[in-house]
N, C-alpha and C. Protein backbone atom coordinates (compact mmCIF):
# COMPACT_ATOMS: atom_id res chain seq x y z
N MET A 1 55.09 -8.72 -2.20
CA MET A 1 56.21 -8.27 -1.91
C MET A 1 57.23 -8.38 -3.13
N LYS A 2 57.37 -9.40 -3.66
CA LYS A 2 57.82 -10.14 -4.67
C LYS A 2 57.77 -9.19 -6.15
N LYS A 3 56.55 -8.73 -6.06
CA LYS A 3 56.53 -7.59 -7.34
C LYS A 3 57.48 -6.54 -7.02
N ASN A 4 57.44 -6.03 -5.50
CA ASN A 4 58.04 -4.61 -5.70
C ASN A 4 59.42 -4.89 -5.73
N ASN A 5 60.11 -5.97 -5.37
CA ASN A 5 61.52 -6.30 -5.35
C ASN A 5 61.99 -6.49 -6.93
N SER A 6 61.03 -6.81 -7.95
CA SER A 6 61.35 -6.79 -9.22
C SER A 6 61.51 -5.82 -9.67
N TYR A 7 60.47 -4.46 -9.52
CA TYR A 7 60.67 -3.32 -9.85
C TYR A 7 62.11 -2.90 -9.24
N ILE A 8 62.28 -2.95 -8.10
CA ILE A 8 63.77 -2.34 -7.33
C ILE A 8 64.97 -2.96 -8.21
N GLN A 9 64.81 -4.14 -8.80
CA GLN A 9 65.82 -4.97 -9.23
C GLN A 9 65.94 -4.42 -10.30
N PHE A 10 64.90 -3.84 -11.50
CA PHE A 10 64.95 -3.58 -12.67
C PHE A 10 65.31 -2.23 -12.62
N PHE A 11 65.11 -1.46 -11.66
CA PHE A 11 65.73 0.11 -11.52
C PHE A 11 67.23 0.04 -11.37
N THR A 12 67.36 -0.56 -10.38
CA THR A 12 68.85 -0.82 -10.03
C THR A 12 69.62 -1.32 -11.11
N ASN A 13 69.21 -2.35 -11.79
CA ASN A 13 69.98 -2.59 -13.26
C ASN A 13 70.04 -1.66 -14.16
N LEU A 14 68.93 -0.71 -14.18
CA LEU A 14 68.69 0.23 -15.29
C LEU A 14 70.02 1.46 -14.86
N ILE A 15 69.86 1.78 -13.62
CA ILE A 15 70.86 2.91 -13.22
C ILE A 15 72.21 2.42 -13.41
N LEU A 16 72.60 0.92 -12.84
CA LEU A 16 73.92 0.81 -13.13
C LEU A 16 74.61 0.63 -14.56
N HIS A 17 73.39 0.15 -15.25
CA HIS A 17 73.81 0.16 -16.63
C HIS A 17 74.31 1.35 -17.11
N LYS A 18 73.32 2.38 -16.97
CA LYS A 18 73.85 3.92 -17.22
C LYS A 18 74.93 4.29 -16.90
N MET A 19 75.03 4.03 -15.16
CA MET A 19 76.17 4.71 -15.08
C MET A 19 77.65 4.03 -15.58
N LYS A 20 77.60 3.01 -15.74
CA LYS A 20 78.61 2.15 -16.59
C LYS A 20 78.83 3.02 -17.88
N LYS A 21 77.91 2.90 -18.68
CA LYS A 21 77.93 4.05 -19.84
C LYS A 21 78.65 5.38 -19.43
N ILE A 22 78.09 6.00 -18.48
CA ILE A 22 78.62 7.39 -18.60
C ILE A 22 79.96 7.13 -17.89
N LEU A 23 80.60 6.40 -17.08
CA LEU A 23 81.92 6.12 -16.33
C LEU A 23 82.60 5.92 -17.93
N LEU A 24 82.38 4.96 -18.45
CA LEU A 24 83.22 4.54 -19.85
C LEU A 24 83.31 5.83 -20.53
N VAL A 25 82.37 6.89 -20.70
CA VAL A 25 82.22 8.01 -21.44
C VAL A 25 83.33 9.07 -20.91
N ILE A 26 83.06 9.12 -19.54
CA ILE A 26 84.07 10.02 -18.79
C ILE A 26 85.77 9.41 -18.66
N MET A 27 85.99 8.11 -18.84
CA MET A 27 86.96 7.57 -18.77
C MET A 27 87.93 7.83 -20.37
N ILE A 28 86.90 7.82 -21.15
CA ILE A 28 87.39 8.03 -23.01
C ILE A 28 87.85 8.86 -23.26
N ILE A 29 87.16 9.91 -23.07
CA ILE A 29 86.83 11.48 -23.69
C ILE A 29 88.31 11.70 -23.25
N PRO A 30 88.91 11.82 -22.18
CA PRO A 30 90.38 12.55 -21.96
C PRO A 30 91.55 11.58 -22.66
N LEU A 31 91.24 10.54 -23.43
CA LEU A 31 92.19 9.63 -24.10
C LEU A 31 92.12 10.11 -25.50
N LEU A 32 90.88 10.68 -25.99
CA LEU A 32 90.69 11.31 -27.23
C LEU A 32 91.37 12.28 -27.41
N PHE A 33 91.75 13.13 -26.31
CA PHE A 33 92.31 14.39 -26.65
C PHE A 33 93.82 14.45 -26.20
N THR A 34 94.17 13.63 -25.58
CA THR A 34 95.72 13.13 -25.19
C THR A 34 96.37 12.14 -25.99
N SER A 35 95.86 11.48 -26.73
CA SER A 35 96.42 9.86 -27.33
C SER A 35 97.05 10.90 -28.41
N CYS A 36 97.08 11.33 -28.99
CA CYS A 36 98.69 12.03 -29.91
C CYS A 36 99.07 13.37 -29.76
N GLU A 37 100.13 13.87 -29.99
CA GLU A 37 100.62 14.83 -29.80
C GLU A 37 100.51 15.61 -31.08
N GLU A 38 100.79 14.88 -32.28
CA GLU A 38 100.74 15.37 -33.89
C GLU A 38 99.46 14.55 -34.35
N CYS A 39 98.38 15.09 -34.66
CA CYS A 39 97.24 14.57 -34.83
C CYS A 39 96.66 14.87 -36.33
N ASP A 40 96.78 13.68 -36.96
CA ASP A 40 96.10 13.66 -38.21
C ASP A 40 94.88 12.96 -38.54
N CYS A 41 94.15 13.18 -37.26
CA CYS A 41 92.98 11.85 -37.22
C CYS A 41 91.56 12.72 -36.97
N GLY A 42 91.54 13.71 -38.22
CA GLY A 42 90.22 14.59 -37.98
C GLY A 42 89.00 13.72 -38.61
N VAL A 43 87.88 14.52 -38.77
CA VAL A 43 86.62 13.97 -39.16
C VAL A 43 86.37 15.36 -40.06
N ASN A 44 86.16 14.54 -41.57
CA ASN A 44 85.27 15.46 -42.53
C ASN A 44 86.62 16.64 -42.54
N GLY A 45 87.92 16.46 -42.47
CA GLY A 45 88.46 17.45 -42.78
C GLY A 45 88.79 18.39 -41.73
N VAL A 46 88.53 18.19 -40.44
CA VAL A 46 88.49 18.84 -39.25
C VAL A 46 89.38 18.19 -38.33
N ASN A 47 90.29 18.89 -38.01
CA ASN A 47 91.30 18.14 -36.77
C ASN A 47 91.25 18.66 -35.36
N VAL A 48 91.46 18.43 -34.26
CA VAL A 48 91.72 19.02 -33.29
C VAL A 48 93.40 19.55 -33.22
N ILE A 49 93.24 20.57 -32.77
CA ILE A 49 94.77 21.10 -32.63
C ILE A 49 95.26 21.40 -31.18
N ASP A 50 96.64 22.23 -30.89
CA ASP A 50 96.76 22.51 -29.65
C ASP A 50 96.07 24.13 -29.39
N TYR A 51 95.29 24.22 -28.61
CA TYR A 51 94.54 25.54 -28.57
C TYR A 51 95.58 26.54 -28.01
N SER A 52 96.51 26.26 -27.60
CA SER A 52 97.53 27.45 -26.84
C SER A 52 97.52 28.63 -27.73
N PRO A 53 98.12 28.78 -29.12
CA PRO A 53 98.40 30.02 -29.68
C PRO A 53 96.47 30.69 -29.89
N LEU A 54 95.73 29.91 -30.08
CA LEU A 54 94.59 30.78 -30.01
C LEU A 54 94.27 31.20 -28.89
N GLU A 55 94.32 30.40 -27.66
CA GLU A 55 93.79 30.65 -26.22
C GLU A 55 94.76 31.84 -25.98
N GLU A 56 96.08 32.37 -26.40
CA GLU A 56 96.63 33.76 -25.94
C GLU A 56 95.64 34.60 -26.48
N LYS A 57 95.12 34.74 -27.48
CA LYS A 57 94.09 35.50 -28.05
C LYS A 57 93.14 36.11 -27.17
N ALA A 58 92.46 34.82 -26.78
CA ALA A 58 91.27 34.73 -25.77
C ALA A 58 91.61 35.28 -24.40
N GLN A 59 92.76 35.45 -24.05
CA GLN A 59 93.31 35.65 -22.71
C GLN A 59 93.68 37.49 -22.97
N ILE A 60 94.01 37.83 -24.22
CA ILE A 60 93.99 39.02 -24.42
C ILE A 60 92.38 39.78 -24.46
N MET A 61 91.68 39.21 -25.00
CA MET A 61 90.25 39.28 -25.29
C MET A 61 89.45 39.51 -23.84
N LYS A 62 90.06 38.33 -22.82
CA LYS A 62 89.73 38.60 -21.70
C LYS A 62 89.89 39.89 -20.72
N THR A 63 90.88 39.93 -20.78
CA THR A 63 91.60 41.08 -20.03
C THR A 63 91.06 42.68 -20.66
N ALA A 64 90.92 42.76 -21.65
CA ALA A 64 90.36 43.97 -22.37
C ALA A 64 88.99 43.89 -22.22
N PHE A 65 87.89 42.77 -21.85
CA PHE A 65 86.87 42.56 -21.53
C PHE A 65 86.26 43.29 -20.02
N GLU A 66 87.11 42.48 -19.25
CA GLU A 66 87.40 43.06 -17.82
C GLU A 66 87.82 44.44 -17.40
N ASN A 67 88.86 44.98 -18.32
CA ASN A 67 89.01 46.53 -18.29
C ASN A 67 88.01 47.46 -19.08
N LYS A 68 87.10 46.84 -19.70
CA LYS A 68 86.35 47.41 -20.48
C LYS A 68 87.14 48.40 -21.48
N ASP A 69 88.16 47.79 -22.22
CA ASP A 69 88.99 48.25 -22.99
C ASP A 69 88.44 47.67 -24.65
N THR A 70 87.71 48.47 -25.43
CA THR A 70 87.23 48.09 -26.66
C THR A 70 88.57 48.07 -27.52
N ASP A 71 89.23 49.23 -27.46
CA ASP A 71 90.18 49.31 -28.39
C ASP A 71 91.17 48.35 -28.61
N THR A 72 91.24 47.61 -27.59
CA THR A 72 92.44 46.60 -27.25
C THR A 72 91.62 45.30 -27.77
N MET A 73 90.21 45.22 -27.39
CA MET A 73 89.42 44.01 -28.01
C MET A 73 89.43 44.14 -29.31
N LEU A 74 89.32 45.22 -29.85
CA LEU A 74 88.57 44.99 -31.18
C LEU A 74 90.04 44.78 -32.29
N GLU A 75 91.08 45.07 -31.58
CA GLU A 75 92.76 44.98 -32.17
C GLU A 75 92.78 43.34 -32.80
N LEU A 76 91.85 42.54 -31.76
CA LEU A 76 92.28 40.95 -32.18
C LEU A 76 91.36 40.60 -33.42
N PHE A 77 90.37 41.59 -34.03
CA PHE A 77 89.52 41.21 -35.08
C PHE A 77 89.82 42.06 -36.52
N THR A 78 89.44 41.04 -37.36
CA THR A 78 89.22 41.66 -38.58
C THR A 78 88.56 42.83 -38.86
N ASP A 79 88.50 43.73 -39.78
CA ASP A 79 87.77 44.82 -40.06
C ASP A 79 86.46 44.12 -40.34
N ASP A 80 86.22 43.30 -41.16
CA ASP A 80 84.73 42.72 -41.48
C ASP A 80 84.11 41.71 -40.39
N MET A 81 84.81 41.88 -39.20
CA MET A 81 84.22 40.80 -38.11
C MET A 81 82.89 40.84 -37.79
N GLU A 82 82.26 39.96 -37.21
CA GLU A 82 81.19 39.76 -36.65
C GLU A 82 81.21 39.06 -35.55
N TRP A 83 80.37 39.62 -34.58
CA TRP A 83 80.03 38.97 -33.07
C TRP A 83 78.60 38.67 -32.97
N VAL A 84 78.16 37.79 -32.93
CA VAL A 84 76.77 36.92 -33.02
C VAL A 84 76.28 36.56 -31.67
N PHE A 85 75.10 37.14 -31.19
CA PHE A 85 74.51 36.83 -30.20
C PHE A 85 73.55 35.68 -30.04
N PRO A 86 73.04 35.28 -29.16
CA PRO A 86 72.41 33.83 -29.02
C PRO A 86 71.09 34.01 -29.69
N ASN A 87 70.49 35.08 -29.70
CA ASN A 87 69.35 35.17 -30.40
C ASN A 87 69.38 35.64 -32.05
N GLY A 88 70.44 35.36 -32.44
CA GLY A 88 70.93 35.78 -33.76
C GLY A 88 71.48 37.25 -34.27
N GLU A 89 71.26 38.02 -33.52
CA GLU A 89 71.55 39.43 -33.67
C GLU A 89 73.03 39.28 -33.82
N LYS A 90 73.48 40.53 -34.16
CA LYS A 90 75.06 40.54 -34.36
C LYS A 90 75.58 42.00 -34.69
N PHE A 91 76.56 42.14 -34.36
CA PHE A 91 77.23 43.47 -34.59
C PHE A 91 78.16 43.08 -35.88
N GLU A 92 78.43 43.95 -36.69
CA GLU A 92 79.21 43.53 -38.37
C GLU A 92 79.88 44.48 -38.20
N GLY A 93 81.36 44.41 -38.27
CA GLY A 93 82.33 45.26 -38.58
C GLY A 93 82.70 46.02 -37.17
N LYS A 94 83.87 46.56 -37.24
CA LYS A 94 84.28 46.96 -35.96
C LYS A 94 83.83 47.90 -35.69
N GLU A 95 83.19 49.21 -36.66
CA GLU A 95 82.50 50.18 -36.09
C GLU A 95 81.11 49.80 -35.29
N GLU A 96 80.49 49.05 -35.65
CA GLU A 96 79.26 48.62 -35.09
C GLU A 96 79.44 47.92 -33.93
N ALA A 97 80.57 47.14 -34.12
CA ALA A 97 81.10 46.57 -32.64
C ALA A 97 81.58 47.26 -31.46
N ARG A 98 82.38 48.26 -31.90
CA ARG A 98 82.83 49.45 -30.85
C ARG A 98 81.61 50.24 -30.24
N GLN A 99 80.88 50.44 -31.09
CA GLN A 99 79.63 51.15 -30.52
C GLN A 99 78.76 50.07 -29.43
N GLY A 100 78.69 49.03 -30.03
CA GLY A 100 77.94 47.94 -29.20
C GLY A 100 78.42 47.77 -27.93
N PHE A 101 79.87 47.47 -27.87
CA PHE A 101 80.76 46.81 -26.72
C PHE A 101 80.71 48.48 -25.80
N ASN A 102 80.75 49.52 -26.23
CA ASN A 102 81.04 50.99 -25.44
C ASN A 102 79.82 50.77 -24.57
N TYR A 103 78.63 50.39 -25.18
CA TYR A 103 77.26 50.66 -24.66
C TYR A 103 77.07 49.52 -23.34
N VAL A 104 77.55 48.28 -24.01
CA VAL A 104 77.35 47.25 -23.01
C VAL A 104 78.50 47.54 -21.76
N PHE A 105 79.55 47.87 -21.91
CA PHE A 105 80.37 48.23 -21.00
C PHE A 105 80.36 49.40 -19.86
N SER A 106 79.39 50.12 -20.45
CA SER A 106 78.85 51.30 -19.78
C SER A 106 77.55 51.00 -18.79
N LEU A 107 77.30 49.86 -19.12
CA LEU A 107 75.99 49.21 -18.33
C LEU A 107 76.31 48.46 -16.88
N TRP A 108 77.72 48.22 -16.79
CA TRP A 108 78.28 47.13 -15.93
C TRP A 108 79.31 47.76 -14.87
N ASP A 109 79.27 47.41 -13.79
CA ASP A 109 80.39 47.92 -12.76
C ASP A 109 81.59 46.91 -13.12
N GLU A 110 81.53 45.60 -12.81
CA GLU A 110 82.34 44.72 -13.33
C GLU A 110 81.74 43.60 -14.14
N MET A 111 82.78 43.27 -15.22
CA MET A 111 82.27 42.17 -16.18
C MET A 111 83.55 41.21 -16.03
N LYS A 112 83.61 39.94 -15.93
CA LYS A 112 84.67 38.62 -15.75
C LYS A 112 84.32 37.68 -16.70
N MET A 113 85.26 37.21 -17.52
CA MET A 113 85.30 35.83 -18.07
C MET A 113 85.71 35.28 -17.26
N ASP A 114 85.57 33.74 -17.60
CA ASP A 114 86.24 32.66 -16.79
C ASP A 114 86.00 33.01 -15.42
N SER A 115 85.05 33.08 -14.86
CA SER A 115 84.65 33.69 -13.25
C SER A 115 84.44 32.54 -12.60
N GLY A 116 84.76 31.27 -12.97
CA GLY A 116 84.38 29.83 -12.33
C GLY A 116 85.62 29.61 -11.04
N GLY A 117 86.78 30.24 -11.49
CA GLY A 117 88.11 30.00 -10.52
C GLY A 117 88.45 28.35 -10.63
N ASP A 118 89.06 27.85 -9.78
CA ASP A 118 89.44 26.72 -9.50
C ASP A 118 88.24 25.62 -9.72
N ASP A 119 86.82 26.09 -9.24
CA ASP A 119 86.04 25.28 -8.71
C ASP A 119 85.22 24.82 -10.57
N GLU A 120 85.32 25.81 -11.40
CA GLU A 120 84.62 25.86 -12.54
C GLU A 120 85.77 26.30 -13.72
N PRO A 121 86.91 25.73 -13.82
CA PRO A 121 87.84 26.36 -14.81
C PRO A 121 87.21 26.14 -16.16
N PRO A 122 87.49 26.86 -17.25
CA PRO A 122 87.09 26.92 -18.63
C PRO A 122 87.28 25.62 -19.23
N ILE A 123 86.67 25.21 -20.29
CA ILE A 123 87.00 23.95 -21.13
C ILE A 123 87.32 24.70 -22.41
N ILE A 124 88.43 24.20 -22.98
CA ILE A 124 88.80 24.77 -24.34
C ILE A 124 89.09 23.74 -25.37
N LEU A 125 88.75 23.76 -26.56
CA LEU A 125 89.06 23.04 -27.41
C LEU A 125 89.29 23.61 -28.66
N ALA A 126 90.12 23.18 -29.52
CA ALA A 126 90.77 24.12 -30.95
C ALA A 126 90.76 23.10 -31.81
N THR A 127 89.99 23.80 -33.21
CA THR A 127 90.21 22.44 -34.16
C THR A 127 90.65 23.39 -35.43
N SER A 128 90.97 22.88 -36.62
CA SER A 128 91.54 23.62 -37.78
C SER A 128 90.64 22.77 -38.78
N GLY A 129 90.50 23.40 -39.95
CA GLY A 129 89.82 22.84 -41.01
C GLY A 129 90.18 23.74 -42.34
N GLU A 130 89.37 23.53 -43.53
CA GLU A 130 89.43 24.40 -44.60
C GLU A 130 88.98 25.59 -44.35
N GLN A 131 87.86 25.99 -43.42
CA GLN A 131 87.42 27.42 -43.29
C GLN A 131 88.51 28.39 -42.46
N GLY A 132 89.59 27.57 -41.59
CA GLY A 132 90.11 28.35 -40.39
C GLY A 132 90.22 27.54 -39.39
N GLN A 133 90.72 28.25 -38.28
CA GLN A 133 90.84 27.77 -37.09
C GLN A 133 89.78 27.91 -35.84
N PHE A 134 89.30 27.18 -35.20
CA PHE A 134 88.26 27.88 -34.33
C PHE A 134 88.53 27.38 -32.98
N LEU A 135 88.50 28.05 -31.97
CA LEU A 135 88.56 28.18 -30.71
C LEU A 135 87.11 27.64 -29.81
N MET A 136 86.98 26.96 -29.34
CA MET A 136 85.79 26.79 -28.48
C MET A 136 85.89 26.64 -26.96
N ARG A 137 85.07 27.68 -26.37
CA ARG A 137 85.51 27.51 -24.95
C ARG A 137 84.11 27.92 -24.00
N TRP A 138 83.86 26.85 -23.17
CA TRP A 138 82.73 27.22 -22.28
C TRP A 138 83.49 27.35 -21.04
N SER A 139 82.51 28.60 -20.39
CA SER A 139 83.09 29.16 -19.18
C SER A 139 82.21 29.73 -18.48
N PRO A 140 82.02 30.26 -17.28
CA PRO A 140 80.81 31.36 -16.75
C PRO A 140 81.46 32.66 -16.92
N TYR A 141 80.54 33.31 -17.09
CA TYR A 141 80.85 35.00 -17.18
C TYR A 141 79.93 35.59 -16.21
N SER A 142 80.69 36.64 -15.21
CA SER A 142 80.21 37.33 -14.12
C SER A 142 79.90 38.63 -14.62
N TYR A 143 78.71 39.14 -14.08
CA TYR A 143 78.61 40.50 -14.39
C TYR A 143 77.89 41.14 -13.00
N LYS A 144 78.51 42.27 -12.73
CA LYS A 144 77.95 43.04 -11.26
C LYS A 144 77.42 44.68 -11.79
N SER A 145 76.28 44.59 -11.61
CA SER A 145 75.35 45.88 -11.79
C SER A 145 75.97 46.83 -10.71
N PHE A 146 75.98 48.42 -11.40
CA PHE A 146 76.25 49.42 -10.38
C PHE A 146 75.42 49.46 -9.16
N SER A 147 74.08 48.80 -9.19
CA SER A 147 73.33 48.75 -7.91
C SER A 147 74.00 47.62 -6.95
N GLY A 148 74.72 46.78 -7.49
CA GLY A 148 75.43 45.49 -6.66
C GLY A 148 74.84 44.20 -7.05
N GLU A 149 73.90 44.10 -7.91
CA GLU A 149 73.16 42.99 -8.32
C GLU A 149 74.09 42.06 -9.12
N GLU A 150 74.30 40.94 -8.84
CA GLU A 150 75.27 40.00 -9.59
C GLU A 150 74.40 38.92 -10.47
N TYR A 151 75.31 38.64 -11.59
CA TYR A 151 74.63 37.55 -12.37
C TYR A 151 75.86 37.05 -13.11
N THR A 152 75.41 35.46 -13.10
CA THR A 152 76.43 34.81 -13.92
C THR A 152 75.78 33.90 -14.70
N ILE A 153 76.41 33.88 -15.82
CA ILE A 153 75.85 32.89 -17.01
C ILE A 153 76.70 32.04 -17.41
N ARG A 154 76.50 30.71 -18.07
CA ARG A 154 77.23 29.81 -18.61
C ARG A 154 77.57 30.43 -20.06
N ASN A 155 78.55 30.63 -20.46
CA ASN A 155 78.90 31.06 -21.75
C ASN A 155 79.61 29.88 -22.65
N HIS A 156 79.06 29.80 -23.97
CA HIS A 156 80.05 28.99 -24.73
C HIS A 156 80.16 30.02 -26.09
N THR A 157 81.27 30.29 -26.17
CA THR A 157 81.82 31.06 -27.28
C THR A 157 82.80 30.44 -28.30
N VAL A 158 82.70 30.69 -29.60
CA VAL A 158 83.09 29.83 -30.78
C VAL A 158 84.06 31.22 -31.30
N LEU A 159 85.21 31.23 -31.30
CA LEU A 159 85.96 32.24 -32.04
C LEU A 159 86.49 31.69 -33.51
N TRP A 160 86.43 32.21 -34.21
CA TRP A 160 86.68 31.88 -35.90
C TRP A 160 87.86 32.77 -36.18
N PHE A 161 89.14 32.09 -36.28
CA PHE A 161 90.33 32.95 -36.77
C PHE A 161 90.65 32.74 -38.02
N ASN A 162 91.15 33.64 -38.88
CA ASN A 162 91.76 33.84 -40.64
C ASN A 162 93.06 32.93 -40.41
N ASP A 163 93.52 33.15 -41.46
CA ASP A 163 94.85 32.40 -41.91
C ASP A 163 96.33 33.30 -40.83
N ASP A 164 95.86 34.59 -40.74
CA ASP A 164 96.48 35.65 -40.05
C ASP A 164 96.63 35.61 -38.68
N GLY A 165 95.68 34.89 -38.23
CA GLY A 165 95.51 34.53 -36.57
C GLY A 165 94.44 35.69 -35.84
N MET A 166 93.74 36.41 -36.77
CA MET A 166 93.18 37.61 -36.57
C MET A 166 91.53 36.67 -36.17
N ILE A 167 90.97 37.45 -35.62
CA ILE A 167 89.42 36.62 -35.10
C ILE A 167 88.42 37.12 -36.40
N LYS A 168 87.72 36.64 -36.69
CA LYS A 168 86.63 36.86 -37.98
C LYS A 168 85.54 37.03 -37.38
N GLY A 169 85.39 36.07 -36.61
CA GLY A 169 83.90 35.89 -36.03
C GLY A 169 83.76 35.10 -34.28
N ALA A 170 82.92 35.62 -33.70
CA ALA A 170 82.95 35.35 -32.27
C ALA A 170 81.17 34.97 -32.20
N TYR A 171 80.99 33.71 -32.21
CA TYR A 171 79.70 33.16 -31.64
C TYR A 171 79.16 32.60 -30.54
N ASN A 172 78.37 33.61 -29.79
CA ASN A 172 78.08 33.11 -28.46
C ASN A 172 76.95 32.63 -27.93
N TYR A 173 76.83 31.72 -26.92
CA TYR A 173 75.45 30.90 -26.90
C TYR A 173 75.50 30.84 -25.54
N TYR A 174 74.34 31.30 -24.97
CA TYR A 174 74.23 31.34 -23.26
C TYR A 174 72.64 31.73 -23.20
N ASP A 175 72.04 31.42 -22.04
CA ASP A 175 70.83 31.52 -21.67
C ASP A 175 70.83 33.28 -21.20
N ARG A 176 70.05 33.95 -21.74
CA ARG A 176 70.15 35.15 -21.74
C ARG A 176 68.90 36.02 -20.61
N LYS A 177 67.70 34.97 -20.12
CA LYS A 177 66.82 35.29 -19.31
C LYS A 177 67.28 36.07 -18.26
N ASP A 178 67.89 35.44 -17.48
CA ASP A 178 68.27 36.07 -16.21
C ASP A 178 69.08 37.57 -16.37
N ILE A 179 69.87 37.71 -17.41
CA ILE A 179 70.76 38.90 -17.41
C ILE A 179 70.21 39.85 -18.32
N SER A 180 69.22 39.66 -18.90
CA SER A 180 68.39 40.10 -19.87
C SER A 180 67.55 41.36 -18.69
N LYS A 181 67.36 40.55 -17.72
CA LYS A 181 66.37 41.41 -16.62
C LYS A 181 66.80 42.57 -16.00
N ALA A 182 68.45 42.38 -16.24
CA ALA A 182 69.28 43.29 -15.59
C ALA A 182 69.06 44.90 -16.45
N TYR A 183 68.76 44.81 -17.48
CA TYR A 183 68.78 45.97 -18.43
C TYR A 183 67.55 46.62 -18.70
N GLU A 184 67.25 47.98 -18.69
CA GLU A 184 66.16 48.99 -18.90
C GLU A 184 65.63 48.41 -20.39
N THR A 185 66.70 48.46 -21.12
CA THR A 185 66.44 48.04 -22.77
C THR A 185 67.44 47.21 -23.03
N ASP A 186 67.14 46.02 -23.30
CA ASP A 186 68.32 45.09 -23.88
C ASP A 186 68.93 45.64 -24.97
N PRO A 187 70.32 45.68 -24.68
CA PRO A 187 71.32 46.24 -25.66
C PRO A 187 71.16 45.39 -26.99
N ILE A 188 70.97 44.08 -26.98
CA ILE A 188 70.78 43.30 -27.99
C ILE A 188 69.39 43.56 -29.08
N ASP A 189 68.67 44.18 -28.23
CA ASP A 189 67.38 44.58 -28.97
C ASP A 189 67.63 45.93 -29.68
N GLU A 190 68.82 46.29 -29.27
CA GLU A 190 68.93 48.01 -29.76
C GLU A 190 69.93 47.83 -31.07
N ILE A 191 70.39 46.75 -31.36
CA ILE A 191 71.05 46.37 -32.54
C ILE A 191 70.27 46.48 -33.65
N GLU A 192 70.67 47.53 -34.78
CA GLU A 192 69.76 47.73 -35.76
C GLU A 192 70.23 46.87 -36.90
N ASP A 193 69.19 46.32 -37.66
CA ASP A 193 69.68 45.33 -38.64
C ASP A 193 70.13 46.37 -40.19
């Protein structure tokens, strides 16, 4: 019985030790992002900045995405834009992106960014450095097919802005295995190199 108690004590201490670290991280992270209004506290030339101006563009993109409005969406991008998918495939330039977006939009009855509501709001962070400004967003995206099937993916998007406030690149990271089952032919596989 004494041996069992020592195992229980060992695992209890281990769990408590790990929980202390997790709680410490949870308490410190908000301080990192709220500790200074004007921050020159970057690492390797990259600074955390106010995300509001960049997020305004993301909200325009969100509305265009939900309305399947390719023209409004592409107005946010530079002519030499790129939209990169999780598997490395990409749309390069506005014309290729226009064709790709129109095709994808035609496959879904409804599409929503930030579909988690109050239970799962987006997590947003912006940085600035020599390469430009970057908006990083983590949020659920929901898709509803014309047959009524619904899919939700956890999407991480990085938007790269040039000095004129135009989006030069969109880099998307998410698990595609569930959503790709909804397609007869996966649209990303249709992108020509």
